[in-house]
N, C-alpha and C. Protein backbone atom coordinates (compact mmCIF):
# COMPACT_ATOMS: atom_id res chain seq x y z
N MET A 1 95.55 105.57 122.33
CA MET A 1 94.86 104.68 121.42
C MET A 1 94.45 103.42 122.18
N CYS A 2 93.27 102.98 121.98
CA CYS A 2 92.76 101.79 122.65
C CYS A 2 93.29 100.54 121.95
N LYS A 3 93.62 99.55 122.75
CA LYS A 3 94.07 98.27 122.17
C LYS A 3 92.91 97.31 122.13
N PHE A 4 92.88 96.54 121.08
CA PHE A 4 91.83 95.55 120.91
C PHE A 4 92.36 94.21 121.38
N GLY A 5 91.57 93.55 122.22
CA GLY A 5 91.94 92.24 122.70
C GLY A 5 91.29 91.14 121.88
N LEU A 6 91.56 89.90 122.26
CA LEU A 6 91.02 88.76 121.54
C LEU A 6 89.50 88.74 121.60
N GLU A 7 88.96 89.07 122.76
CA GLU A 7 87.50 89.08 122.91
C GLU A 7 86.85 90.15 122.02
N GLU A 8 87.45 91.35 122.00
CA GLU A 8 86.92 92.41 121.14
C GLU A 8 87.01 92.02 119.67
N ASN A 9 88.14 91.41 119.28
CA ASN A 9 88.30 90.98 117.90
C ASN A 9 87.22 89.98 117.49
N ASN A 10 86.94 89.03 118.38
CA ASN A 10 85.90 88.03 118.09
C ASN A 10 84.52 88.68 117.99
N ARG A 11 84.24 89.63 118.88
CA ARG A 11 82.95 90.33 118.82
C ARG A 11 82.82 91.14 117.54
N ILE A 12 83.92 91.78 117.13
CA ILE A 12 83.88 92.58 115.89
C ILE A 12 83.64 91.67 114.70
N ARG A 13 84.38 90.56 114.62
CA ARG A 13 84.19 89.63 113.50
C ARG A 13 82.74 89.13 113.44
N HIS A 14 82.23 88.70 114.59
CA HIS A 14 80.86 88.18 114.66
C HIS A 14 79.86 89.26 114.26
N SER A 15 80.05 90.48 114.76
CA SER A 15 79.11 91.56 114.47
C SER A 15 79.17 91.98 113.01
N VAL A 16 80.35 91.95 112.42
CA VAL A 16 80.45 92.29 110.99
C VAL A 16 79.71 91.24 110.16
N ARG A 17 79.79 89.98 110.56
CA ARG A 17 79.03 88.95 109.85
C ARG A 17 77.52 89.21 109.95
N MET A 18 77.09 89.72 111.12
CA MET A 18 75.66 89.99 111.33
C MET A 18 75.22 91.29 110.66
N TYR A 19 76.00 92.37 110.84
CA TYR A 19 75.58 93.70 110.39
C TYR A 19 76.35 94.20 109.17
N GLY A 20 77.22 93.42 108.62
CA GLY A 20 78.11 93.87 107.55
C GLY A 20 77.40 94.43 106.33
N HIS A 21 76.21 93.98 106.09
CA HIS A 21 75.45 94.44 104.92
C HIS A 21 74.81 95.80 105.16
N LEU A 22 74.80 96.28 106.39
CA LEU A 22 74.17 97.56 106.72
C LEU A 22 75.17 98.70 106.63
N ASP A 23 74.67 99.89 106.30
CA ASP A 23 75.53 101.07 106.20
C ASP A 23 76.08 101.51 107.56
N ASP A 24 75.30 101.28 108.60
CA ASP A 24 75.72 101.71 109.94
C ASP A 24 76.32 100.56 110.76
N CYS A 25 76.95 99.65 110.08
CA CYS A 25 77.51 98.44 110.72
C CYS A 25 78.43 98.79 111.89
N PHE A 26 79.39 99.68 111.66
CA PHE A 26 80.39 99.98 112.70
C PHE A 26 79.80 100.86 113.80
N ILE A 27 78.77 101.60 113.49
CA ILE A 27 78.07 102.37 114.53
C ILE A 27 77.36 101.40 115.47
N ARG A 28 76.73 100.37 114.92
CA ARG A 28 76.07 99.36 115.76
C ARG A 28 77.09 98.61 116.62
N ILE A 29 78.23 98.30 116.03
CA ILE A 29 79.26 97.57 116.79
C ILE A 29 79.81 98.46 117.91
N SER A 30 79.92 99.76 117.66
CA SER A 30 80.43 100.65 118.71
C SER A 30 79.46 100.77 119.88
N LYS A 31 78.19 100.45 119.64
CA LYS A 31 77.23 100.41 120.75
C LYS A 31 77.45 99.16 121.60
N ILE A 32 77.92 98.10 120.96
CA ILE A 32 78.25 96.87 121.69
C ILE A 32 79.57 97.05 122.45
N LEU A 33 80.52 97.76 121.81
CA LEU A 33 81.83 98.04 122.42
C LEU A 33 81.97 99.55 122.58
N PRO A 34 81.36 100.13 123.61
CA PRO A 34 81.30 101.60 123.71
C PRO A 34 82.66 102.28 123.95
N GLN A 35 83.67 101.51 124.34
CA GLN A 35 84.98 102.13 124.58
C GLN A 35 85.69 102.51 123.27
N TYR A 36 85.15 102.07 122.13
CA TYR A 36 85.73 102.35 120.82
C TYR A 36 84.77 103.16 119.97
N THR A 37 85.33 104.05 119.16
CA THR A 37 84.49 104.81 118.22
C THR A 37 84.24 103.95 116.97
N PRO A 38 83.21 104.28 116.21
CA PRO A 38 82.97 103.52 114.98
C PRO A 38 84.17 103.56 114.03
N LYS A 39 84.84 104.71 113.96
CA LYS A 39 86.00 104.84 113.07
C LYS A 39 87.14 103.93 113.54
N GLN A 40 87.39 103.87 114.85
CA GLN A 40 88.43 102.98 115.38
C GLN A 40 88.13 101.53 115.03
N ILE A 41 86.89 101.14 115.20
CA ILE A 41 86.49 99.76 114.91
C ILE A 41 86.64 99.47 113.42
N GLU A 42 86.17 100.39 112.60
CA GLU A 42 86.27 100.19 111.15
C GLU A 42 87.73 100.08 110.71
N ASN A 43 88.58 100.98 111.19
CA ASN A 43 90.00 100.94 110.83
C ASN A 43 90.66 99.64 111.29
N HIS A 44 90.35 99.23 112.52
CA HIS A 44 90.93 98.00 113.06
C HIS A 44 90.47 96.80 112.25
N TYR A 45 89.20 96.77 111.91
CA TYR A 45 88.68 95.64 111.13
C TYR A 45 89.34 95.58 109.75
N LYS A 46 89.38 96.71 109.07
CA LYS A 46 89.94 96.72 107.72
C LYS A 46 91.43 96.42 107.71
N LYS A 47 92.13 96.83 108.76
CA LYS A 47 93.58 96.65 108.78
C LYS A 47 94.00 95.27 109.28
N TYR A 48 93.29 94.73 110.27
CA TYR A 48 93.75 93.50 110.91
C TYR A 48 92.80 92.30 110.79
N LEU A 49 91.52 92.53 110.67
CA LEU A 49 90.58 91.42 110.78
C LEU A 49 89.90 91.02 109.47
N ASP A 50 89.91 91.90 108.49
CA ASP A 50 89.24 91.61 107.23
C ASP A 50 89.99 90.50 106.50
N GLU A 51 89.30 89.40 106.26
CA GLU A 51 89.94 88.25 105.62
C GLU A 51 90.15 88.45 104.13
N GLU A 52 89.45 89.41 103.53
CA GLU A 52 89.62 89.67 102.11
C GLU A 52 90.85 90.54 101.84
N ALA A 53 91.32 91.25 102.84
CA ALA A 53 92.49 92.11 102.66
C ALA A 53 93.75 91.24 102.55
N PRO A 54 94.66 91.60 101.66
CA PRO A 54 95.88 90.80 101.54
C PRO A 54 96.75 90.96 102.79
N PRO A 55 97.44 89.90 103.19
CA PRO A 55 98.29 90.00 104.37
C PRO A 55 99.49 90.92 104.10
N ILE A 56 100.02 91.49 105.15
CA ILE A 56 101.17 92.37 105.03
C ILE A 56 102.39 91.51 104.73
N ASN A 57 103.11 91.84 103.67
CA ASN A 57 104.30 91.09 103.27
C ASN A 57 105.52 91.86 103.76
N TYR A 58 106.00 91.50 104.96
CA TYR A 58 107.11 92.22 105.56
C TYR A 58 108.41 92.01 104.78
N GLU A 59 108.57 90.86 104.15
CA GLU A 59 109.77 90.61 103.35
C GLU A 59 109.83 91.58 102.18
N ARG A 60 108.70 91.82 101.55
CA ARG A 60 108.68 92.74 100.42
C ARG A 60 108.93 94.17 100.87
N ILE A 61 108.41 94.53 102.03
CA ILE A 61 108.66 95.86 102.58
C ILE A 61 110.15 96.04 102.84
N LEU A 62 110.78 95.04 103.45
CA LEU A 62 112.21 95.10 103.73
C LEU A 62 113.02 95.17 102.44
N GLU A 63 112.63 94.38 101.45
CA GLU A 63 113.32 94.38 100.16
C GLU A 63 113.22 95.76 99.50
N THR A 64 112.05 96.36 99.54
CA THR A 64 111.86 97.69 98.97
C THR A 64 112.69 98.72 99.71
N TYR A 65 112.74 98.61 101.02
CA TYR A 65 113.54 99.53 101.83
C TYR A 65 115.02 99.41 101.47
N GLU A 66 115.51 98.18 101.31
CA GLU A 66 116.91 97.98 100.95
C GLU A 66 117.22 98.55 99.58
N LYS A 67 116.28 98.41 98.63
CA LYS A 67 116.48 98.98 97.30
C LYS A 67 116.55 100.50 97.37
N LEU A 68 115.67 101.10 98.19
CA LEU A 68 115.69 102.55 98.34
C LEU A 68 117.00 103.02 98.98
N GLN A 69 117.49 102.26 99.95
CA GLN A 69 118.77 102.60 100.57
C GLN A 69 119.89 102.55 99.54
N ALA A 70 119.89 101.52 98.67
CA ALA A 70 120.93 101.39 97.64
C ALA A 70 120.85 102.56 96.67
N ILE A 71 119.65 102.95 96.28
CA ILE A 71 119.49 104.10 95.38
C ILE A 71 120.00 105.36 96.05
N ASN A 72 119.69 105.51 97.32
CA ASN A 72 120.12 106.68 98.06
C ASN A 72 121.65 106.74 98.13
N ILE A 73 122.29 105.60 98.36
CA ILE A 73 123.75 105.55 98.41
C ILE A 73 124.33 105.92 97.05
N LYS A 74 123.75 105.38 95.97
CA LYS A 74 124.22 105.70 94.62
C LYS A 74 124.07 107.19 94.35
N ASN A 75 122.94 107.76 94.75
CA ASN A 75 122.71 109.19 94.54
C ASN A 75 123.74 110.02 95.30
N GLU A 76 124.06 109.60 96.51
CA GLU A 76 125.06 110.33 97.31
C GLU A 76 126.42 110.25 96.64
N ARG A 77 126.79 109.09 96.13
CA ARG A 77 128.07 108.94 95.42
C ARG A 77 128.09 109.81 94.17
N LEU A 78 126.95 109.84 93.44
CA LEU A 78 126.87 110.67 92.24
C LEU A 78 127.00 112.15 92.58
N ARG A 79 126.38 112.57 93.68
CA ARG A 79 126.49 113.97 94.10
C ARG A 79 127.94 114.32 94.39
N LYS A 80 128.64 113.42 95.08
CA LYS A 80 130.06 113.68 95.38
C LYS A 80 130.89 113.73 94.11
N LEU A 81 130.61 112.81 93.19
CA LEU A 81 131.34 112.78 91.92
C LEU A 81 131.09 114.05 91.12
N VAL A 82 129.86 114.50 91.05
CA VAL A 82 129.54 115.74 90.34
C VAL A 82 130.26 116.92 90.99
N PHE A 83 130.25 116.96 92.30
CA PHE A 83 130.93 118.04 93.02
C PHE A 83 132.42 118.04 92.71
N ILE A 84 133.04 116.86 92.72
CA ILE A 84 134.48 116.76 92.41
C ILE A 84 134.74 117.21 90.98
N CYS A 85 133.89 116.80 90.05
CA CYS A 85 134.05 117.22 88.66
C CYS A 85 133.90 118.73 88.50
N GLN A 86 132.94 119.29 89.20
CA GLN A 86 132.75 120.75 89.14
C GLN A 86 133.97 121.48 89.69
N GLU A 87 134.49 121.00 90.82
CA GLU A 87 135.68 121.61 91.41
C GLU A 87 136.87 121.50 90.47
N PHE A 88 137.04 120.34 89.85
CA PHE A 88 138.13 120.13 88.91
C PHE A 88 137.98 121.07 87.71
N TYR A 89 136.75 121.18 87.19
CA TYR A 89 136.49 122.05 86.05
C TYR A 89 136.80 123.50 86.41
N LEU A 90 136.36 123.95 87.58
CA LEU A 90 136.60 125.34 87.98
C LEU A 90 138.08 125.61 88.17
N SER A 91 138.80 124.67 88.78
CA SER A 91 140.24 124.88 88.98
C SER A 91 140.96 124.87 87.63
N LEU A 92 140.56 124.00 86.71
CA LEU A 92 141.16 123.95 85.38
C LEU A 92 140.87 125.23 84.62
N LYS A 93 139.64 125.71 84.71
CA LYS A 93 139.24 126.94 84.04
C LYS A 93 140.04 128.12 84.57
N LYS A 94 140.20 128.17 85.87
CA LYS A 94 140.96 129.26 86.49
C LYS A 94 142.42 129.21 86.06
N SER A 95 142.96 128.01 86.00
CA SER A 95 144.35 127.84 85.57
C SER A 95 144.54 128.29 84.13
N VAL A 96 143.61 127.91 83.26
CA VAL A 96 143.70 128.30 81.85
C VAL A 96 143.55 129.81 81.72
N GLU A 97 142.63 130.41 82.47
CA GLU A 97 142.44 131.86 82.41
C GLU A 97 143.69 132.60 82.87
N GLN A 98 144.35 132.06 83.89
CA GLN A 98 145.58 132.69 84.37
C GLN A 98 146.68 132.63 83.31
N LYS A 99 146.81 131.47 82.65
CA LYS A 99 147.83 131.32 81.61
C LYS A 99 147.54 132.23 80.42
N ILE A 100 146.28 132.36 80.04
CA ILE A 100 145.91 133.25 78.94
C ILE A 100 146.22 134.68 79.32
N HIS A 101 145.94 135.05 80.56
CA HIS A 101 146.18 136.41 81.03
C HIS A 101 147.68 136.74 80.98
N ILE A 102 148.53 135.77 81.26
CA ILE A 102 149.98 135.99 81.23
C ILE A 102 150.43 136.29 79.80
N TYR A 103 149.88 135.60 78.83
CA TYR A 103 150.31 135.76 77.45
C TYR A 103 149.72 137.00 76.78
N ILE A 104 148.70 137.57 77.39
CA ILE A 104 148.08 138.75 76.76
C ILE A 104 148.81 139.99 77.13
């Protein structure tokens, strides 16, 4: 993957201001920067350079990740609890069946 430098970023911003209203904007920019494809330029612009795009909120991403981890831990505890309950139920059922069999 090609890395975009400061000079390329400035050229892309300037070119989008000039050609942004055209359908072939990123194709024209790729002619100015031939080492990049139009799709690479478009993706880079939309992800990193577009001022209308909201900034990435890393704190919110981390908070969401921590919540998912907590849910995962709770689910794992619930799975263990269900397994223990099932084992207890089966052993109790077996014990009761054995006692009934003795009396029959």
